[in-house]
Protein backbone atom coordinates (compact mmCIF):
# COMPACT_ATOMS: atom_id res chain seq x y z
CA MET A 1 0.00 0.00 0.00
CA LYS A 2 2.83 2.34 0.83
CA ASN A 3 4.35 1.97 -2.66
CA TYR A 4 0.98 2.65 -4.28
CA VAL A 5 0.49 5.84 -2.25
CA SER A 6 3.99 7.11 -3.01
CA HIS A 7 3.48 6.30 -6.70
CA ALA A 8 0.14 8.14 -6.69
CA LEU A 9 1.75 11.18 -5.08
CA ALA A 10 4.57 11.14 -7.58
CA CYS A 11 2.05 10.93 -10.42
CA ASN A 12 0.14 13.92 -9.11
CA GLU A 13 3.36 15.91 -8.98
CA ASN A 14 4.51 14.96 -12.46
CA ARG A 15 1.59 13.99 -14.69
CA TYR A 16 3.66 14.09 -17.86
CA LEU A 17 6.09 11.51 -16.52
CA CYS A 18 3.25 9.18 -15.54
CA LYS A 19 1.66 9.60 -18.96
CA SER A 20 4.94 8.58 -20.63
CA ILE A 21 5.23 5.55 -18.36
CA LYS A 22 1.68 4.51 -19.26
CA GLN A 23 2.48 4.93 -22.96
CA LEU A 24 5.58 2.75 -22.60
CA ILE A 25 3.58 0.05 -20.83
CA MET A 26 0.91 0.11 -23.54
CA ALA A 27 3.55 -0.06 -26.28
CA GLU A 28 5.12 -3.11 -24.63
CA LYS A 29 1.69 -4.69 -24.24
CA TYR A 30 1.22 -4.72 -28.02
CA LYS A 31 4.83 -5.23 -29.07
CA ILE A 32 5.06 -8.89 -28.08
CA PRO A 33 1.97 -9.99 -30.06
CA TYR A 34 3.25 -7.96 -33.02
CA LEU A 35 6.69 -9.63 -32.87
CA ASN A 36 4.96 -13.00 -32.61
CA ALA A 37 2.80 -12.26 -35.66
CA CYS A 38 5.83 -11.18 -37.70
CA ILE A 39 7.81 -14.29 -36.78
CA ARG A 40 4.86 -16.53 -37.67
CA ALA A 41 4.33 -14.74 -41.00
CA PHE A 42 8.04 -15.05 -41.79
CA ALA A 43 7.87 -18.77 -40.96
CA LEU A 44 4.87 -19.23 -43.26
CA ARG A 45 6.51 -17.33 -46.12
CA PHE A 46 9.51 -19.68 -46.12
CA ASN A 47 7.77 -22.81 -44.84
CA PHE A 48 9.90 -22.80 -41.66
CA SER A 49 8.94 -23.85 -38.18
CA ILE A 50 8.39 -20.93 -35.84
CA SER A 51 11.50 -21.93 -33.90
CA VAL A 52 13.70 -21.92 -37.02
CA ALA A 53 12.21 -18.59 -38.17
CA PHE A 54 12.95 -17.03 -34.77
CA LYS A 55 16.53 -18.32 -34.75
CA TYR A 56 17.12 -17.02 -38.29
CA LEU A 57 15.63 -13.59 -37.49
CA PHE A 58 17.55 -13.37 -34.23
CA HIS A 59 20.85 -14.35 -35.85
CA PHE A 60 20.52 -11.87 -38.72
CA LYS A 61 19.26 -8.99 -36.51
CA GLY A 62 15.60 -9.11 -37.61
CA ILE A 63 14.24 -9.35 -34.06
CA ALA A 64 16.35 -6.39 -32.96
CA PHE A 65 15.08 -4.44 -35.98
CA LEU A 66 11.44 -5.13 -35.14
CA ASP A 67 12.03 -4.18 -31.53
CA GLU A 68 13.88 -0.96 -32.33
CA TYR A 69 11.57 0.20 -35.12
CA TYR A 70 8.29 -1.09 -33.70
CA GLU A 71 6.72 2.38 -33.70
CA THR A 72 7.14 2.61 -37.48
CA GLU A 73 6.83 -1.02 -38.51
CA HIS A 74 3.58 -1.78 -36.70
CA LEU A 75 1.82 0.84 -38.82
CA GLN A 76 2.50 -1.25 -41.94
CA SER A 77 1.00 -4.58 -42.89
CA ILE A 78 2.61 -7.75 -41.59
CA ASP A 79 3.53 -8.67 -45.18
CA ASP A 80 5.41 -5.37 -45.53
CA ALA A 81 7.20 -6.06 -42.26
CA VAL A 82 8.22 -9.52 -43.55
CA ASP A 83 9.51 -7.92 -46.75
CA ASP A 84 11.55 -5.47 -44.64
CA LEU A 85 12.91 -8.37 -42.57
CA ILE A 86 14.01 -10.22 -45.71
CA VAL A 87 15.95 -7.19 -46.96
CA LEU A 88 17.49 -6.49 -43.55
CA CYS A 89 18.53 -10.10 -42.94
CA HIS A 90 20.02 -10.30 -46.44
CA LYS A 91 22.10 -7.18 -45.70
CA ASN A 92 23.30 -8.89 -42.51
CA GLY A 93 24.39 -12.07 -44.29
CA GLY A 94 21.14 -14.02 -44.60
CA GLN A 95 20.69 -16.03 -47.77
CA LEU A 96 16.89 -15.96 -48.10
CA VAL A 97 15.47 -13.82 -50.86
């Protein structure tokens, strides 16, 4: 209870900070399902298992790309995101085209 009260007081003092924290939490809430959807779509495109697709994307920096550029990528279709992943992974040494 003490932590909740101190958090509430801090939020009243700095509403902008609390708003940014809430935005970060909401972004994280949707980021994981988005990453999951992209990995699954990538796996389907190349007829890979989800595990193999994840390992490939992780190795060739696709997962890091989706995480870093989530704010831009999630506004596009999943197919566009997969196309972006193919190009990025190829630039990082991946052989899929």
